Amino acid sequence: MTLGGRLTLYFTCAGMEGREYQTSSRQEVVFASTQQDLEPVRSIEGWVVIVTNIHEEAQEDDIYDSFAEFGDVKSLHLNLDRRTGFAKGYALLEYEERQEAEDAIASMNGQEFFTRKIKVDWAFKTAS
């Protein structure tokens, strides 16, 4: 969340609760005590979900097919390694409605996808 020209990033990290760290690029990092302290934030066009621990051989179509059942996926971005052409291990999906994103997170977090347990969560969060 940007306040007065500063970008504030929130992270969860054991043992770092309540600590603040000021970087040289005017970014303030705040460590929240738990994930429950953070609320999802809508992007300009929708609700963005991040999927991590994606198998390197997964393709956009595989991810789209798995997540489209929860609602209309407005956009899907899967970063690929330039050298190998394989997935880097994460994807960003955008849903129009918050409920669609919540359903995807609740249903897919911890599920096995291409022999790996994926983690699904909100991409953007802020302190409540």
N, C-alpha and C. Protein backbone atom coordinates (compact mmCIF):
# COMPACT_ATOMS: atom_id res chain seq x y z
N MET A 1 0.86 -1.16 0.00
CA MET A 1 0.00 0.00 0.00
C MET A 1 0.90 1.23 0.00
N THR A 2 0.62 2.18 -0.86
CA THR A 2 1.44 3.37 -0.95
C THR A 2 0.80 4.48 -0.12
N LEU A 3 1.57 5.06 0.76
CA LEU A 3 1.11 6.16 1.61
C LEU A 3 2.14 7.27 1.55
N GLY A 4 1.73 8.44 1.11
CA GLY A 4 2.63 9.59 1.11
C GLY A 4 3.92 9.35 0.36
N GLY A 5 3.87 8.64 -0.77
CA GLY A 5 5.06 8.43 -1.56
C GLY A 5 5.93 7.28 -1.10
N ARG A 6 5.51 6.55 -0.07
CA ARG A 6 6.29 5.40 0.39
C ARG A 6 5.53 4.13 0.09
N LEU A 7 6.24 3.09 -0.27
CA LEU A 7 5.64 1.80 -0.51
C LEU A 7 5.84 0.96 0.74
N THR A 8 4.73 0.47 1.30
CA THR A 8 4.81 -0.36 2.49
C THR A 8 4.50 -1.79 2.10
N LEU A 9 5.42 -2.71 2.42
CA LEU A 9 5.25 -4.11 2.14
C LEU A 9 5.07 -4.85 3.45
N TYR A 10 4.15 -5.81 3.48
CA TYR A 10 3.89 -6.57 4.69
C TYR A 10 4.30 -8.02 4.47
N PHE A 11 5.04 -8.59 5.42
CA PHE A 11 5.50 -9.97 5.34
C PHE A 11 5.21 -10.65 6.66
N THR A 12 5.06 -11.95 6.61
CA THR A 12 4.95 -12.75 7.81
C THR A 12 6.26 -13.51 7.98
N CYS A 13 6.89 -13.37 9.13
CA CYS A 13 8.16 -14.03 9.38
C CYS A 13 8.27 -14.30 10.87
N ALA A 14 8.46 -15.55 11.23
CA ALA A 14 8.56 -15.92 12.64
C ALA A 14 9.67 -15.14 13.32
N GLY A 15 9.37 -14.56 14.46
CA GLY A 15 10.35 -13.83 15.24
C GLY A 15 10.56 -12.39 14.81
N MET A 16 9.89 -11.95 13.76
CA MET A 16 10.09 -10.59 13.26
C MET A 16 8.85 -9.71 13.47
N GLU A 17 7.87 -10.19 14.23
CA GLU A 17 6.61 -9.48 14.41
C GLU A 17 6.81 -8.05 14.90
N GLY A 18 6.12 -7.13 14.26
CA GLY A 18 6.13 -5.74 14.69
C GLY A 18 7.37 -4.95 14.33
N ARG A 19 8.38 -5.59 13.78
CA ARG A 19 9.61 -4.88 13.42
C ARG A 19 9.43 -4.19 12.08
N GLU A 20 10.10 -3.07 11.94
CA GLU A 20 10.06 -2.33 10.68
C GLU A 20 11.47 -2.19 10.16
N TYR A 21 11.58 -2.15 8.85
CA TYR A 21 12.88 -2.04 8.21
C TYR A 21 12.75 -1.03 7.08
N GLN A 22 13.59 -0.03 7.07
CA GLN A 22 13.56 1.01 6.04
C GLN A 22 14.66 0.74 5.03
N THR A 23 14.29 0.58 3.76
CA THR A 23 15.30 0.34 2.73
C THR A 23 15.71 1.67 2.12
N SER A 24 16.79 1.65 1.38
CA SER A 24 17.29 2.88 0.78
C SER A 24 16.39 3.40 -0.34
N SER A 25 15.50 2.56 -0.85
CA SER A 25 14.64 2.98 -1.95
C SER A 25 13.27 3.45 -1.47
N ARG A 26 13.19 3.90 -0.23
CA ARG A 26 11.95 4.42 0.37
C ARG A 26 10.86 3.37 0.45
N GLN A 27 11.24 2.12 0.62
CA GLN A 27 10.28 1.05 0.85
C GLN A 27 10.34 0.68 2.31
N GLU A 28 9.20 0.61 2.92
CA GLU A 28 9.11 0.24 4.33
C GLU A 28 8.58 -1.18 4.42
N VAL A 29 9.29 -2.04 5.09
CA VAL A 29 8.88 -3.42 5.25
C VAL A 29 8.40 -3.61 6.68
N VAL A 30 7.17 -4.09 6.84
CA VAL A 30 6.60 -4.32 8.16
C VAL A 30 6.31 -5.81 8.28
N PHE A 31 6.79 -6.42 9.35
CA PHE A 31 6.53 -7.83 9.59
C PHE A 31 5.27 -7.96 10.44
N ALA A 32 4.25 -8.58 9.87
CA ALA A 32 2.99 -8.77 10.58
C ALA A 32 3.12 -9.97 11.51
N SER A 33 2.32 -9.99 12.57
CA SER A 33 2.43 -11.08 13.54
C SER A 33 1.90 -12.40 12.99
N THR A 34 0.83 -12.36 12.23
CA THR A 34 0.28 -13.58 11.62
C THR A 34 -0.35 -13.22 10.29
N GLN A 35 -0.67 -14.25 9.52
CA GLN A 35 -1.35 -14.04 8.25
C GLN A 35 -2.73 -13.40 8.48
N GLN A 36 -3.35 -13.67 9.63
CA GLN A 36 -4.67 -13.13 9.90
C GLN A 36 -4.65 -11.61 10.06
N ASP A 37 -3.47 -11.03 10.30
CA ASP A 37 -3.36 -9.58 10.42
C ASP A 37 -3.46 -8.88 9.07
N LEU A 38 -3.42 -9.66 7.99
CA LEU A 38 -3.38 -9.09 6.66
C LEU A 38 -4.68 -9.33 5.91
N GLU A 39 -5.14 -8.32 5.22
CA GLU A 39 -6.35 -8.41 4.41
C GLU A 39 -5.99 -8.34 2.94
N PRO A 40 -6.69 -9.09 2.08
CA PRO A 40 -6.39 -9.01 0.65
C PRO A 40 -6.73 -7.64 0.09
N VAL A 41 -5.99 -7.24 -0.93
CA VAL A 41 -6.20 -5.94 -1.57
C VAL A 41 -6.51 -6.19 -3.03
N ARG A 42 -7.51 -5.50 -3.53
CA ARG A 42 -7.89 -5.61 -4.94
C ARG A 42 -6.90 -4.84 -5.79
N SER A 43 -6.50 -5.43 -6.90
CA SER A 43 -5.66 -4.71 -7.84
C SER A 43 -6.57 -3.78 -8.65
N ILE A 44 -6.02 -3.11 -9.61
CA ILE A 44 -6.81 -2.16 -10.40
C ILE A 44 -7.96 -2.85 -11.11
N GLU A 45 -7.72 -4.04 -11.63
CA GLU A 45 -8.74 -4.70 -12.43
C GLU A 45 -9.40 -5.90 -11.77
N GLY A 46 -8.85 -6.43 -10.70
CA GLY A 46 -9.44 -7.61 -10.09
C GLY A 46 -8.68 -8.07 -8.87
N TRP A 47 -8.93 -9.32 -8.48
CA TRP A 47 -8.31 -9.93 -7.30
C TRP A 47 -7.24 -10.90 -7.77
N VAL A 48 -6.00 -10.68 -7.35
CA VAL A 48 -4.87 -11.46 -7.84
C VAL A 48 -4.48 -12.52 -6.80
N VAL A 49 -4.31 -13.73 -7.31
CA VAL A 49 -3.93 -14.89 -6.51
C VAL A 49 -2.56 -15.36 -6.99
N ILE A 50 -1.69 -15.71 -6.05
CA ILE A 50 -0.37 -16.25 -6.41
C ILE A 50 -0.36 -17.74 -6.10
N VAL A 51 0.16 -18.50 -7.03
CA VAL A 51 0.29 -19.94 -6.88
C VAL A 51 1.79 -20.24 -6.89
N THR A 52 2.29 -20.88 -5.84
CA THR A 52 3.71 -21.18 -5.75
C THR A 52 3.94 -22.69 -5.68
N ASN A 53 5.19 -23.08 -5.86
CA ASN A 53 5.63 -24.47 -5.89
C ASN A 53 5.08 -25.22 -7.11
N ILE A 54 4.95 -24.52 -8.22
CA ILE A 54 4.47 -25.12 -9.46
C ILE A 54 5.61 -25.91 -10.10
N HIS A 55 5.30 -27.08 -10.56
CA HIS A 55 6.28 -27.94 -11.23
C HIS A 55 6.80 -27.25 -12.48
N GLU A 56 8.07 -27.44 -12.76
CA GLU A 56 8.72 -26.74 -13.87
C GLU A 56 8.14 -27.11 -15.24
N GLU A 57 7.51 -28.27 -15.35
CA GLU A 57 6.95 -28.70 -16.63
C GLU A 57 5.49 -28.30 -16.81
N ALA A 58 4.90 -27.64 -15.83
CA ALA A 58 3.51 -27.19 -15.95
C ALA A 58 3.41 -26.10 -17.02
N GLN A 59 2.29 -26.10 -17.72
CA GLN A 59 2.03 -25.12 -18.77
C GLN A 59 0.87 -24.22 -18.35
N GLU A 60 0.74 -23.07 -19.01
CA GLU A 60 -0.36 -22.14 -18.71
C GLU A 60 -1.71 -22.83 -18.82
N ASP A 61 -1.89 -23.65 -19.86
CA ASP A 61 -3.17 -24.33 -20.05
C ASP A 61 -3.51 -25.25 -18.88
N ASP A 62 -2.50 -25.92 -18.33
CA ASP A 62 -2.74 -26.80 -17.19
C ASP A 62 -3.24 -26.00 -15.99
N ILE A 63 -2.60 -24.88 -15.74
CA ILE A 63 -2.98 -24.04 -14.61
C ILE A 63 -4.36 -23.44 -14.85
N TYR A 64 -4.57 -22.93 -16.06
CA TYR A 64 -5.87 -22.33 -16.39
C TYR A 64 -6.99 -23.34 -16.20
N ASP A 65 -6.82 -24.55 -16.72
CA ASP A 65 -7.86 -25.57 -16.61
C ASP A 65 -8.19 -25.90 -15.15
N SER A 66 -7.17 -25.90 -14.29
CA SER A 66 -7.40 -26.22 -12.88
C SER A 66 -8.10 -25.10 -12.13
N PHE A 67 -7.84 -23.85 -12.51
CA PHE A 67 -8.37 -22.71 -11.76
C PHE A 67 -9.61 -22.08 -12.39
N ALA A 68 -9.94 -22.43 -13.62
CA ALA A 68 -11.10 -21.84 -14.29
C ALA A 68 -12.42 -22.31 -13.70
N GLU A 69 -12.41 -23.43 -13.01
CA GLU A 69 -13.66 -23.93 -12.42
C GLU A 69 -14.17 -23.04 -11.29
N PHE A 70 -13.35 -22.15 -10.78
CA PHE A 70 -13.77 -21.28 -9.68
C PHE A 70 -14.30 -19.93 -10.17
N GLY A 71 -14.13 -19.64 -11.44
CA GLY A 71 -14.60 -18.39 -12.01
C GLY A 71 -13.80 -18.03 -13.25
N ASP A 72 -14.16 -16.92 -13.84
CA ASP A 72 -13.49 -16.46 -15.05
C ASP A 72 -12.10 -15.93 -14.70
N VAL A 73 -11.06 -16.58 -15.22
CA VAL A 73 -9.69 -16.13 -15.00
C VAL A 73 -9.42 -15.03 -16.02
N LYS A 74 -9.33 -13.79 -15.53
CA LYS A 74 -9.13 -12.64 -16.41
C LYS A 74 -7.73 -12.63 -17.01
N SER A 75 -6.75 -13.01 -16.21
CA SER A 75 -5.39 -13.07 -16.72
C SER A 75 -4.61 -14.13 -15.95
N LEU A 76 -3.61 -14.66 -16.62
CA LEU A 76 -2.75 -15.68 -16.04
C LEU A 76 -1.34 -15.40 -16.52
N HIS A 77 -0.42 -15.31 -15.56
CA HIS A 77 0.97 -15.04 -15.91
C HIS A 77 1.84 -16.12 -15.27
N LEU A 78 2.51 -16.88 -16.13
CA LEU A 78 3.43 -17.93 -15.68
C LEU A 78 4.81 -17.57 -16.19
N ASN A 79 5.72 -17.20 -15.28
CA ASN A 79 7.08 -16.84 -15.69
C ASN A 79 7.86 -18.07 -16.09
N LEU A 80 8.59 -17.93 -17.19
CA LEU A 80 9.43 -19.02 -17.68
C LEU A 80 10.89 -18.62 -17.60
N ASP A 81 11.73 -19.61 -17.33
CA ASP A 81 13.17 -19.39 -17.31
C ASP A 81 13.64 -19.20 -18.75
N ARG A 82 14.36 -18.14 -19.01
CA ARG A 82 14.81 -17.85 -20.38
C ARG A 82 15.74 -18.91 -20.93
N ARG A 83 16.55 -19.46 -20.09
CA ARG A 83 17.54 -20.44 -20.53
C ARG A 83 16.91 -21.80 -20.81
N THR A 84 16.07 -22.28 -19.90
CA THR A 84 15.52 -23.63 -20.03
C THR A 84 14.14 -23.67 -20.67
N GLY A 85 13.39 -22.58 -20.56
CA GLY A 85 12.03 -22.56 -21.07
C GLY A 85 11.01 -23.17 -20.13
N PHE A 86 11.47 -23.62 -18.96
CA PHE A 86 10.57 -24.21 -17.98
C PHE A 86 10.02 -23.14 -17.05
N ALA A 87 8.89 -23.47 -16.39
CA ALA A 87 8.28 -22.56 -15.43
C ALA A 87 9.22 -22.31 -14.27
N LYS A 88 9.19 -21.07 -13.75
CA LYS A 88 10.05 -20.71 -12.62
C LYS A 88 9.48 -21.16 -11.28
N GLY A 89 8.25 -21.60 -11.26
CA GLY A 89 7.70 -22.14 -10.02
C GLY A 89 6.56 -21.36 -9.42
N TYR A 90 6.13 -20.28 -10.08
CA TYR A 90 4.97 -19.53 -9.56
C TYR A 90 4.15 -18.97 -10.71
N ALA A 91 2.91 -18.68 -10.40
CA ALA A 91 2.00 -18.08 -11.38
C ALA A 91 1.11 -17.07 -10.68
N LEU A 92 0.67 -16.08 -11.42
CA LEU A 92 -0.28 -15.08 -10.92
C LEU A 92 -1.56 -15.20 -11.74
N LEU A 93 -2.69 -15.33 -11.04
CA LEU A 93 -3.99 -15.41 -11.69
C LEU A 93 -4.86 -14.26 -11.19
N GLU A 94 -5.69 -13.74 -12.05
CA GLU A 94 -6.55 -12.63 -11.67
C GLU A 94 -8.01 -13.00 -11.91
N TYR A 95 -8.83 -12.79 -10.89
CA TYR A 95 -10.27 -13.02 -10.96
C TYR A 95 -10.99 -11.67 -10.83
N GLU A 96 -12.15 -11.57 -11.45
CA GLU A 96 -12.96 -10.34 -11.37
C GLU A 96 -13.56 -10.18 -9.98
N GLU A 97 -14.09 -11.27 -9.43
CA GLU A 97 -14.81 -11.22 -8.16
C GLU A 97 -13.96 -11.81 -7.02
N ARG A 98 -14.07 -11.19 -5.86
CA ARG A 98 -13.32 -11.67 -4.70
C ARG A 98 -13.73 -13.09 -4.32
N GLN A 99 -15.02 -13.40 -4.40
CA GLN A 99 -15.50 -14.73 -4.02
C GLN A 99 -14.88 -15.82 -4.88
N GLU A 100 -14.67 -15.54 -6.16
CA GLU A 100 -14.04 -16.51 -7.05
C GLU A 100 -12.61 -16.79 -6.59
N ALA A 101 -11.88 -15.73 -6.24
CA ALA A 101 -10.51 -15.88 -5.77
C ALA A 101 -10.47 -16.62 -4.44
N GLU A 102 -11.39 -16.29 -3.54
CA GLU A 102 -11.45 -16.98 -2.24
C GLU A 102 -11.72 -18.46 -2.42
N ASP A 103 -12.62 -18.81 -3.34
CA ASP A 103 -12.93 -20.22 -3.60
C ASP A 103 -11.70 -20.95 -4.15
N ALA A 104 -10.97 -20.30 -5.05
CA ALA A 104 -9.76 -20.91 -5.62
C ALA A 104 -8.72 -21.15 -4.53
N ILE A 105 -8.53 -20.17 -3.66
CA ILE A 105 -7.56 -20.30 -2.57
C ILE A 105 -7.96 -21.44 -1.63
N ALA A 106 -9.22 -21.45 -1.23
CA ALA A 106 -9.70 -22.45 -0.28
C ALA A 106 -9.62 -23.86 -0.87
N SER A 107 -9.92 -24.00 -2.13
CA SER A 107 -9.97 -25.33 -2.75
C SER A 107 -8.60 -25.85 -3.21
N MET A 108 -7.75 -24.97 -3.69
CA MET A 108 -6.50 -25.42 -4.32
C MET A 108 -5.28 -25.37 -3.41
N ASN A 109 -5.32 -24.58 -2.34
CA ASN A 109 -4.16 -24.49 -1.45
C ASN A 109 -3.87 -25.86 -0.84
N GLY A 110 -2.64 -26.34 -1.03
CA GLY A 110 -2.23 -27.62 -0.47
C GLY A 110 -2.54 -28.81 -1.36
N GLN A 111 -3.18 -28.59 -2.50
CA GLN A 111 -3.51 -29.69 -3.40
C GLN A 111 -2.28 -30.11 -4.21
N GLU A 112 -2.28 -31.35 -4.63
CA GLU A 112 -1.19 -31.84 -5.46
C GLU A 112 -1.45 -31.45 -6.91
N PHE A 113 -0.42 -30.89 -7.53
CA PHE A 113 -0.50 -30.43 -8.92
C PHE A 113 0.81 -30.79 -9.59
N PHE A 114 0.78 -31.72 -10.53
CA PHE A 114 2.00 -32.20 -11.18
C PHE A 114 3.00 -32.74 -10.15
N THR A 115 2.54 -33.55 -9.26
CA THR A 115 3.33 -34.23 -8.22
C THR A 115 3.87 -33.31 -7.13
N ARG A 116 3.44 -32.06 -7.09
CA ARG A 116 3.87 -31.14 -6.03
C ARG A 116 2.66 -30.54 -5.34
N LYS A 117 2.83 -30.31 -4.03
CA LYS A 117 1.77 -29.60 -3.30
C LYS A 117 1.95 -28.11 -3.54
N ILE A 118 0.94 -27.49 -4.13
CA ILE A 118 1.03 -26.06 -4.43
C ILE A 118 0.50 -25.25 -3.26
N LYS A 119 0.96 -24.02 -3.18
CA LYS A 119 0.46 -23.07 -2.19
C LYS A 119 -0.25 -21.97 -2.97
N VAL A 120 -1.45 -21.64 -2.52
CA VAL A 120 -2.27 -20.64 -3.19
C VAL A 120 -2.68 -19.61 -2.14
N ASP A 121 -2.46 -18.34 -2.45
CA ASP A 121 -2.78 -17.27 -1.51
C ASP A 121 -3.00 -15.97 -2.27
N TRP A 122 -3.40 -14.95 -1.54
CA TRP A 122 -3.55 -13.62 -2.13
C TRP A 122 -2.17 -13.09 -2.52
N ALA A 123 -2.09 -12.45 -3.67
CA ALA A 123 -0.83 -11.85 -4.10
C ALA A 123 -0.56 -10.53 -3.39
N PHE A 124 -1.63 -9.78 -3.13
CA PHE A 124 -1.47 -8.47 -2.50
C PHE A 124 -2.26 -8.43 -1.20
N LYS A 125 -1.57 -8.02 -0.13
CA LYS A 125 -2.21 -7.92 1.19
C LYS A 125 -1.77 -6.63 1.86
N THR A 126 -2.59 -6.19 2.79
CA THR A 126 -2.25 -5.03 3.60
C THR A 126 -2.72 -5.28 5.03
N ALA A 127 -2.19 -4.54 5.98
CA ALA A 127 -2.59 -4.70 7.38
C ALA A 127 -4.03 -4.26 7.54
N SER A 128 -4.77 -5.01 8.36
CA SER A 128 -6.18 -4.70 8.58
C SER A 128 -6.34 -3.61 9.62
